[in-house]
């Protein structure tokens, strides 16, 4: 996996902050990719609860 940058974000879980980042990506010219359930430091996949 690649490191985070202006178009890639790794998030452990769904939070209110993540919701703001989604809106930010939607409003940007290039968009972006958010990987939910991935540790942002190790890039390891995590279990995600419903």
PDB file of N, CA and C in Angstrom:
ATOM      1  N   UNK A   1       0.840  -1.185   0.000  1.00  0.00           N
ATOM      2  CA  UNK A   1       0.000   0.000   0.000  1.00  0.00           C
ATOM      3  C   UNK A   1       0.882   1.244   0.000  1.00  0.00           C
ATOM      4  N   UNK A   2       0.344   2.286  -0.536  1.00  0.00           N
ATOM      5  CA  UNK A   2       1.082   3.549  -0.597  1.00  0.00           C
ATOM      6  C   UNK A   2       0.789   4.392   0.639  1.00  0.00           C
ATOM      7  N   UNK A   3       1.625   5.376   0.873  1.00  0.00           N
ATOM      8  CA  UNK A   3       1.439   6.278   2.010  1.00  0.00           C
ATOM      9  C   UNK A   3       0.283   7.225   1.765  1.00  0.00           C
ATOM     10  N   UNK A   4      -0.247   7.758   2.844  1.00  0.00           N
ATOM     11  CA  UNK A   4      -1.314   8.750   2.744  1.00  0.00           C
ATOM     12  C   UNK A   4      -0.794  10.004   2.053  1.00  0.00           C
ATOM     13  N   UNK A   5      -1.680  10.648   1.310  1.00  0.00           N
ATOM     14  CA  UNK A   5      -1.363  11.939   0.719  1.00  0.00           C
ATOM     15  C   UNK A   5      -2.678  12.691   0.536  1.00  0.00           C
ATOM     16  N   UNK A   6      -2.705  13.675  -0.322  1.00  0.00           N
ATOM     17  CA  UNK A   6      -3.906  14.479  -0.524  1.00  0.00           C
ATOM     18  C   UNK A   6      -5.078  13.713  -1.102  1.00  0.00           C
ATOM     19  N   UNK A   7      -4.828  12.520  -1.661  1.00  0.00           N
ATOM     20  CA  UNK A   7      -5.899  11.763  -2.283  1.00  0.00           C
ATOM     21  C   UNK A   7      -6.120  10.382  -1.701  1.00  0.00           C
ATOM     22  N   UNK A   8      -5.329  10.005  -0.676  1.00  0.00           N
ATOM     23  CA  UNK A   8      -5.464   8.687  -0.058  1.00  0.00           C
ATOM     24  C   UNK A   8      -5.466   8.848   1.456  1.00  0.00           C
ATOM     25  N   UNK A   9      -6.429   8.220   2.097  1.00  0.00           N
ATOM     26  CA  UNK A   9      -6.523   8.230   3.560  1.00  0.00           C
ATOM     27  C   UNK A   9      -6.792   6.816   4.043  1.00  0.00           C
ATOM     28  N   UNK A  10      -6.138   6.421   5.130  1.00  0.00           N
ATOM     29  CA  UNK A  10      -6.409   5.146   5.794  1.00  0.00           C
ATOM     30  C   UNK A  10      -7.089   5.458   7.112  1.00  0.00           C
ATOM     31  N   UNK A  11      -8.197   4.777   7.395  1.00  0.00           N
ATOM     32  CA  UNK A  11      -8.937   5.022   8.632  1.00  0.00           C
ATOM     33  C   UNK A  11      -9.268   3.710   9.307  1.00  0.00           C
ATOM     34  N   UNK A  12      -9.111   3.706  10.617  1.00  0.00           N
ATOM     35  CA  UNK A  12      -9.416   2.510  11.403  1.00  0.00           C
ATOM     36  C   UNK A  12     -10.912   2.271  11.505  1.00  0.00           C
ATOM     37  N   UNK A  13     -11.694   3.354  11.632  1.00  0.00           N
ATOM     38  CA  UNK A  13     -13.134   3.212  11.855  1.00  0.00           C
ATOM     39  C   UNK A  13     -13.874   4.447  11.375  1.00  0.00           C
ATOM     40  N   UNK A  14     -15.175   4.318  11.283  1.00  0.00           N
ATOM     41  CA  UNK A  14     -16.022   5.427  10.859  1.00  0.00           C
ATOM     42  C   UNK A  14     -16.227   6.381  12.037  1.00  0.00           C
ATOM     43  N   UNK A  15     -15.853   7.646  11.855  1.00  0.00           N
ATOM     44  CA  UNK A  15     -16.009   8.660  12.894  1.00  0.00           C
ATOM     45  C   UNK A  15     -16.587   9.921  12.265  1.00  0.00           C
ATOM     46  N   UNK A  16     -16.973  10.873  13.084  1.00  0.00           N
ATOM     47  CA  UNK A  16     -17.460  12.151  12.558  1.00  0.00           C
ATOM     48  C   UNK A  16     -16.372  12.872  11.771  1.00  0.00           C
ATOM     49  N   UNK A  17     -15.140  12.739  12.193  1.00  0.00           N
ATOM     50  CA  UNK A  17     -14.026  13.358  11.453  1.00  0.00           C
ATOM     51  C   UNK A  17     -13.920  12.755  10.055  1.00  0.00           C
ATOM     52  N   UNK A  18     -14.107  11.445   9.956  1.00  0.00           N
ATOM     53  CA  UNK A  18     -14.056  10.786   8.656  1.00  0.00           C
ATOM     54  C   UNK A  18     -15.165  11.295   7.750  1.00  0.00           C
ATOM     55  N   UNK A  19     -16.318  11.539   8.304  1.00  0.00           N
ATOM     56  CA  UNK A  19     -17.428  12.076   7.514  1.00  0.00           C
ATOM     57  C   UNK A  19     -17.043  13.419   6.896  1.00  0.00           C
ATOM     58  N   UNK A  20     -16.338  14.254   7.651  1.00  0.00           N
ATOM     59  CA  UNK A  20     -15.885  15.549   7.120  1.00  0.00           C
ATOM     60  C   UNK A  20     -14.854  15.356   6.009  1.00  0.00           C
ATOM     61  N   UNK A  21     -13.987  14.356   6.164  1.00  0.00           N
ATOM     62  CA  UNK A  21     -12.987  14.096   5.130  1.00  0.00           C
ATOM     63  C   UNK A  21     -13.640  13.590   3.843  1.00  0.00           C
ATOM     64  N   UNK A  22     -14.698  12.802   3.975  1.00  0.00           N
ATOM     65  CA  UNK A  22     -15.434  12.338   2.798  1.00  0.00           C
ATOM     66  C   UNK A  22     -15.998  13.526   2.040  1.00  0.00           C
ATOM     67  N   UNK A  23     -16.604  14.442   2.755  1.00  0.00           N
ATOM     68  CA  UNK A  23     -17.157  15.643   2.120  1.00  0.00           C
ATOM     69  C   UNK A  23     -16.044  16.460   1.477  1.00  0.00           C
ATOM     70  N   UNK A  24     -14.903  16.537   2.134  1.00  0.00           N
ATOM     71  CA  UNK A  24     -13.763  17.269   1.578  1.00  0.00           C
ATOM     72  C   UNK A  24     -13.313  16.639   0.267  1.00  0.00           C
ATOM     73  N   UNK A  25     -13.212  15.317   0.223  1.00  0.00           N
ATOM     74  CA  UNK A  25     -12.842  14.643  -1.022  1.00  0.00           C
ATOM     75  C   UNK A  25     -13.885  14.886  -2.098  1.00  0.00           C
ATOM     76  N   UNK A  26     -15.154  14.868  -1.733  1.00  0.00           N
ATOM     77  CA  UNK A  26     -16.213  15.101  -2.714  1.00  0.00           C
ATOM     78  C   UNK A  26     -16.136  16.507  -3.293  1.00  0.00           C
ATOM     79  N   UNK A  27     -15.708  17.463  -2.486  1.00  0.00           N
ATOM     80  CA  UNK A  27     -15.626  18.844  -2.931  1.00  0.00           C
ATOM     81  C   UNK A  27     -14.316  19.176  -3.638  1.00  0.00           C
ATOM     82  N   UNK A  28     -13.343  18.267  -3.593  1.00  0.00           N
ATOM     83  CA  UNK A  28     -12.065  18.543  -4.257  1.00  0.00           C
ATOM     84  C   UNK A  28     -12.153  18.208  -5.741  1.00  0.00           C
ATOM     85  N   UNK A  29     -11.258  18.768  -6.487  1.00  0.00           N
ATOM     86  CA  UNK A  29     -11.265  18.578  -7.936  1.00  0.00           C
ATOM     87  C   UNK A  29     -10.874  17.155  -8.328  1.00  0.00           C
ATOM     88  N   UNK A  30      -9.965  16.547  -7.570  1.00  0.00           N
ATOM     89  CA  UNK A  30      -9.457  15.220  -7.915  1.00  0.00           C
ATOM     90  C   UNK A  30     -10.079  14.081  -7.126  1.00  0.00           C
ATOM     91  N   UNK A  31     -10.870  14.394  -6.100  1.00  0.00           N
ATOM     92  CA  UNK A  31     -11.459  13.337  -5.283  1.00  0.00           C
ATOM     93  C   UNK A  31     -10.411  12.645  -4.449  1.00  0.00           C
ATOM     94  N   UNK A  32     -10.651  11.399  -4.099  1.00  0.00           N
ATOM     95  CA  UNK A  32      -9.698  10.654  -3.301  1.00  0.00           C
ATOM     96  C   UNK A  32     -10.226   9.286  -2.962  1.00  0.00           C
ATOM     97  N   UNK A  33      -9.400   8.517  -2.271  1.00  0.00           N
ATOM     98  CA  UNK A  33      -9.750   7.167  -1.853  1.00  0.00           C
ATOM     99  C   UNK A  33      -9.559   7.076  -0.353  1.00  0.00           C
ATOM    100  N   UNK A  34     -10.560   6.530   0.334  1.00  0.00           N
ATOM    101  CA  UNK A  34     -10.466   6.301   1.771  1.00  0.00           C
ATOM    102  C   UNK A  34     -10.575   4.800   1.999  1.00  0.00           C
ATOM    103  N   UNK A  35      -9.551   4.240   2.627  1.00  0.00           N
ATOM    104  CA  UNK A  35      -9.553   2.823   2.960  1.00  0.00           C
ATOM    105  C   UNK A  35     -10.001   2.690   4.410  1.00  0.00           C
ATOM    106  N   UNK A  36     -11.195   2.179   4.622  1.00  0.00           N
ATOM    107  CA  UNK A  36     -11.750   2.010   5.963  1.00  0.00           C
ATOM    108  C   UNK A  36     -11.348   0.641   6.495  1.00  0.00           C
ATOM    109  N   UNK A  37     -10.920   0.607   7.745  1.00  0.00           N
ATOM    110  CA  UNK A  37     -10.496  -0.643   8.366  1.00  0.00           C
ATOM    111  C   UNK A  37      -9.029  -0.939   8.128  1.00  0.00           C
ATOM    112  N   UNK A  38      -8.237   0.122   7.934  1.00  0.00           N
ATOM    113  CA  UNK A  38      -6.797  -0.026   7.714  1.00  0.00           C
ATOM    114  C   UNK A  38      -6.073   0.900   8.675  1.00  0.00           C
ATOM    115  N   UNK A  39      -5.101   0.360   9.404  1.00  0.00           N
ATOM    116  CA  UNK A  39      -4.304   1.174  10.313  1.00  0.00           C
ATOM    117  C   UNK A  39      -3.469   2.156   9.500  1.00  0.00           C
ATOM    118  N   UNK A  40      -3.527   3.441   9.844  1.00  0.00           N
ATOM    119  CA  UNK A  40      -2.848   4.458   9.037  1.00  0.00           C
ATOM    120  C   UNK A  40      -1.336   4.451   9.185  1.00  0.00           C
ATOM    121  N   UNK A  41      -0.805   3.799  10.208  1.00  0.00           N
ATOM    122  CA  UNK A  41       0.643   3.748  10.385  1.00  0.00           C
ATOM    123  C   UNK A  41       1.251   2.481   9.800  1.00  0.00           C
ATOM    124  N   UNK A  42       0.615   1.337  10.053  1.00  0.00           N
ATOM    125  CA  UNK A  42       1.176   0.054   9.602  1.00  0.00           C
ATOM    126  C   UNK A  42       0.570  -0.434   8.298  1.00  0.00           C
ATOM    127  N   UNK A  43      -0.571   0.132   7.903  1.00  0.00           N
ATOM    128  CA  UNK A  43      -1.329  -0.269   6.720  1.00  0.00           C
ATOM    129  C   UNK A  43      -1.872  -1.687   6.828  1.00  0.00           C
ATOM    130  N   UNK A  44      -1.961  -2.204   8.066  1.00  0.00           N
ATOM    131  CA  UNK A  44      -2.538  -3.535   8.285  1.00  0.00           C
ATOM    132  C   UNK A  44      -4.050  -3.451   8.248  1.00  0.00           C
ATOM    133  N   UNK A  45      -4.667  -4.460   7.668  1.00  0.00           N
ATOM    134  CA  UNK A  45      -6.115  -4.542   7.666  1.00  0.00           C
ATOM    135  C   UNK A  45      -6.633  -4.882   9.063  1.00  0.00           C
ATOM    136  N   UNK A  46      -7.757  -4.278   9.444  1.00  0.00           N
ATOM    137  CA  UNK A  46      -8.359  -4.481  10.749  1.00  0.00           C
ATOM    138  C   UNK A  46      -9.779  -4.995  10.574  1.00  0.00           C
ATOM    139  N   UNK A  47     -10.298  -5.636  11.616  1.00  0.00           N
ATOM    140  CA  UNK A  47     -11.698  -6.030  11.599  1.00  0.00           C
ATOM    141  C   UNK A  47     -12.556  -4.784  11.760  1.00  0.00           C
ATOM    142  N   UNK A  48     -13.607  -4.683  10.969  1.00  0.00           N
ATOM    143  CA  UNK A  48     -14.520  -3.555  11.030  1.00  0.00           C
ATOM    144  C   UNK A  48     -15.884  -4.075  11.469  1.00  0.00           C
ATOM    145  N   UNK A  49     -16.424  -3.491  12.528  1.00  0.00           N
ATOM    146  CA  UNK A  49     -17.747  -3.912  12.990  1.00  0.00           C
ATOM    147  C   UNK A  49     -18.824  -3.208  12.192  1.00  0.00           C
ATOM    148  N   UNK A  50     -20.003  -3.774  12.232  1.00  0.00           N
ATOM    149  CA  UNK A  50     -21.124  -3.159  11.523  1.00  0.00           C
ATOM    150  C   UNK A  50     -21.492  -1.860  12.171  1.00  0.00           C
TER     151      UNK A  50
END
